[in-house]
Amino acid sequence: MRCLIPAIILFPILGLAQAVKPMAPSREEISELVDKAEEKVSSFEDAVRRVKPILESQQTDLLTKNTSAAENAHKLIRGLQRNGPSAYSLVALIATLDDISLNASRTATLVIMSKPTEINAETQGRLTLLWNAQNSCSDISELILRATLRLIQSQESKLNRLADEKN
């Protein structure tokens, strides 16, 4: 009985909350997210530069992949800043940020594997930068994903209304 009263009170509120459709993100909201993504990608590049001496001795193509992913992200961000948001560009940025996040994890793992007994304070600091870059790229990717889904939902709603008007 104690749980029934809150359920009776909350049920209509939950129903109303589900009926309200999220609004499309504003250009300003997406612009802020894209600017934050630029900062996160630059932090990733800085972290990779700091572990470059360790990775160069491993003869891996991970440095090339890291550089390529960061360059691609910067290119997508410049396009979004210049042309405004599009679902296609935002999804491409999300995929690139996810690649960067994965690359940061792989890079940190390679650093640990290359010097398992020599993890000193300097190496730990470099690893921390990589892990921070990994987490921040993942976080901004998720925020951009949520805004993109709201944008797509809004566009689909408009298309459905137009289709209904024609029929």
Protein backbone atom coordinates (compact mmCIF):
# COMPACT_ATOMS: atom_id res chain seq x y z
CA MET A 1 0.00 0.00 0.00
CA ARG A 2 2.91 2.35 0.78
CA CYS A 3 4.24 1.97 -2.77
CA LEU A 4 0.83 2.29 -4.39
CA ILE A 5 0.30 5.93 -3.41
CA PRO A 6 3.57 7.22 -4.99
CA ALA A 7 2.85 5.11 -8.07
CA ILE A 8 -0.61 6.64 -8.43
CA ILE A 9 0.83 10.13 -8.11
CA LEU A 10 3.83 9.58 -10.43
CA PHE A 11 2.10 7.58 -13.18
CA PRO A 12 0.40 10.56 -14.87
CA ILE A 13 3.58 12.63 -14.62
CA LEU A 14 5.63 9.88 -16.29
CA GLY A 15 3.03 9.60 -19.04
CA LEU A 16 3.26 13.33 -19.75
CA ALA A 17 7.04 13.23 -19.74
CA GLN A 18 7.03 10.52 -22.40
CA ALA A 19 4.52 12.42 -24.54
CA VAL A 20 6.78 15.48 -24.77
CA LYS A 21 9.14 15.17 -27.72
CA PRO A 22 12.63 16.57 -27.31
CA MET A 23 13.33 19.75 -29.21
CA ALA A 24 15.84 19.91 -31.99
CA PRO A 25 19.21 21.24 -30.85
CA SER A 26 19.93 24.85 -31.72
CA ARG A 27 22.83 25.82 -33.94
CA GLU A 28 24.41 27.39 -30.85
CA GLU A 29 24.15 24.12 -28.88
CA ILE A 30 25.76 22.14 -31.67
CA SER A 31 28.38 24.85 -32.16
CA GLU A 32 29.32 24.63 -28.47
CA LEU A 33 29.57 20.84 -28.65
CA VAL A 34 31.71 21.02 -31.78
CA ASP A 35 34.00 23.59 -30.13
CA LYS A 36 34.38 21.27 -27.13
CA ALA A 37 35.15 18.40 -29.47
CA GLU A 38 37.92 20.51 -31.00
CA GLU A 39 39.42 20.99 -27.54
CA LYS A 40 39.20 17.26 -26.78
CA VAL A 41 40.88 16.30 -30.06
CA SER A 42 43.68 18.80 -29.38
CA SER A 43 44.16 17.25 -25.92
CA PHE A 44 44.41 13.84 -27.55
CA GLU A 45 47.06 15.14 -29.96
CA ASP A 46 49.04 16.58 -27.05
CA ALA A 47 48.88 13.26 -25.17
CA VAL A 48 50.06 11.37 -28.27
CA ARG A 49 52.97 13.80 -28.74
CA ARG A 50 54.06 13.10 -25.18
CA VAL A 51 54.17 9.32 -25.69
CA LYS A 52 55.63 9.51 -29.19
CA PRO A 53 59.21 8.68 -28.06
CA ILE A 54 57.95 5.49 -26.43
CA LEU A 55 55.86 4.48 -29.45
CA GLU A 56 58.54 5.20 -32.03
CA SER A 57 60.66 2.40 -30.61
CA GLN A 58 57.74 -0.03 -31.08
CA GLN A 59 57.60 0.47 -34.86
CA THR A 60 53.85 0.56 -34.87
CA ASP A 61 51.44 2.25 -37.25
CA LEU A 62 49.46 3.51 -34.27
CA LEU A 63 51.12 6.93 -34.46
CA THR A 64 49.95 7.25 -38.06
CA LYS A 65 46.45 6.15 -37.12
CA ASN A 66 46.37 8.64 -34.24
CA THR A 67 47.51 11.49 -36.47
CA SER A 68 45.09 10.54 -39.22
CA ALA A 69 42.11 10.30 -36.85
CA ALA A 70 42.92 13.69 -35.30
CA GLU A 71 43.33 15.33 -38.71
CA ASN A 72 40.02 13.83 -39.85
CA ALA A 73 38.29 15.12 -36.71
CA HIS A 74 39.69 18.63 -37.23
CA LYS A 75 38.52 18.54 -40.87
CA LEU A 76 35.00 17.47 -39.88
CA ILE A 77 34.88 20.10 -37.14
CA ARG A 78 35.96 22.86 -39.53
CA GLY A 79 33.24 21.74 -41.95
CA LEU A 80 30.60 21.82 -39.22
CA GLN A 81 31.75 25.25 -38.07
CA ARG A 82 31.69 26.58 -41.63
CA ASN A 83 28.56 24.89 -43.00
CA GLY A 84 26.47 24.33 -39.89
CA PRO A 85 25.12 21.06 -38.58
CA SER A 86 24.00 18.15 -40.69
CA ALA A 87 23.15 14.70 -39.42
CA TYR A 88 25.67 13.16 -41.82
CA SER A 89 28.57 15.35 -40.65
CA LEU A 90 27.67 14.90 -36.99
CA VAL A 91 27.55 11.11 -37.32
CA ALA A 92 30.91 11.17 -39.11
CA LEU A 93 32.33 13.23 -36.23
CA ILE A 94 30.89 10.81 -33.67
CA ALA A 95 32.54 7.88 -35.47
CA THR A 96 35.86 9.72 -35.61
CA LEU A 97 35.72 10.67 -31.93
CA ASP A 98 34.99 7.03 -31.10
CA ASP A 99 38.01 6.00 -33.18
CA ILE A 100 40.14 8.51 -31.29
CA SER A 101 38.88 7.16 -27.98
CA LEU A 102 39.75 3.62 -29.03
CA ASN A 103 43.16 4.74 -30.32
CA ALA A 104 43.90 6.45 -27.01
CA SER A 105 43.15 3.19 -25.20
CA ARG A 106 45.32 1.18 -27.60
CA THR A 107 48.14 3.71 -27.28
CA ALA A 108 48.03 3.56 -23.48
CA THR A 109 48.05 -0.23 -23.59
CA LEU A 110 51.07 -0.22 -25.91
CA VAL A 111 52.91 2.19 -23.61
CA ILE A 112 52.26 -0.11 -20.64
CA MET A 113 53.31 -3.20 -22.59
CA SER A 114 56.49 -1.56 -23.84
CA LYS A 115 57.70 -0.64 -20.33
CA PRO A 116 55.89 -2.89 -17.87
CA THR A 117 58.60 -2.61 -15.21
CA GLU A 118 59.50 1.03 -15.87
CA ILE A 119 56.23 2.83 -15.13
CA ASN A 120 57.68 5.85 -13.37
CA ALA A 121 55.95 9.10 -12.48
CA GLU A 122 56.64 10.63 -15.90
CA THR A 123 55.21 7.64 -17.75
CA GLN A 124 52.23 7.57 -15.39
CA GLY A 125 51.59 11.23 -16.20
CA ARG A 126 51.65 10.48 -19.91
CA LEU A 127 49.26 7.56 -19.41
CA THR A 128 46.93 9.77 -17.41
CA LEU A 129 46.83 12.27 -20.28
CA LEU A 130 45.93 9.47 -22.69
CA TRP A 131 43.21 8.10 -20.43
CA ASN A 132 41.81 11.60 -19.88
CA ALA A 133 41.77 12.13 -23.66
CA GLN A 134 40.05 8.78 -24.12
CA ASN A 135 37.35 9.60 -21.58
CA SER A 136 36.78 13.17 -22.76
CA CYS A 137 36.50 12.14 -26.43
CA SER A 138 34.05 9.43 -25.44
CA ASP A 139 32.03 11.87 -23.33
CA ILE A 140 31.79 14.58 -26.00
CA SER A 141 30.94 11.91 -28.58
CA GLU A 142 27.99 10.83 -26.45
CA LEU A 143 26.78 14.41 -26.03
CA ILE A 144 27.01 14.99 -29.78
CA LEU A 145 25.19 11.69 -30.36
CA ARG A 146 22.27 12.79 -28.17
CA ALA A 147 22.04 16.14 -29.97
CA THR A 148 22.25 14.38 -33.34
CA LEU A 149 19.45 12.00 -32.43
CA ARG A 150 17.28 14.98 -31.44
CA LEU A 151 18.14 16.66 -34.75
CA ILE A 152 17.24 13.54 -36.73
CA GLN A 153 14.02 13.06 -34.77
CA SER A 154 13.01 16.65 -35.46
CA GLN A 155 13.77 16.32 -39.17
CA GLU A 156 11.86 13.04 -39.39
CA SER A 157 8.86 14.60 -37.65
CA LYS A 158 8.85 17.43 -40.18
CA LEU A 159 9.07 14.97 -43.06
CA ASN A 160 6.24 12.89 -41.62
CA ARG A 161 4.04 15.99 -41.26
CA LEU A 162 4.74 16.96 -44.88
CA ALA A 163 3.94 13.43 -46.05
CA ASP A 164 0.70 13.46 -44.04
CA GLU A 165 -0.29 16.82 -45.55
CA LYS A 166 0.24 15.48 -49.07
CA ASN A 167 -1.94 12.44 -48.39
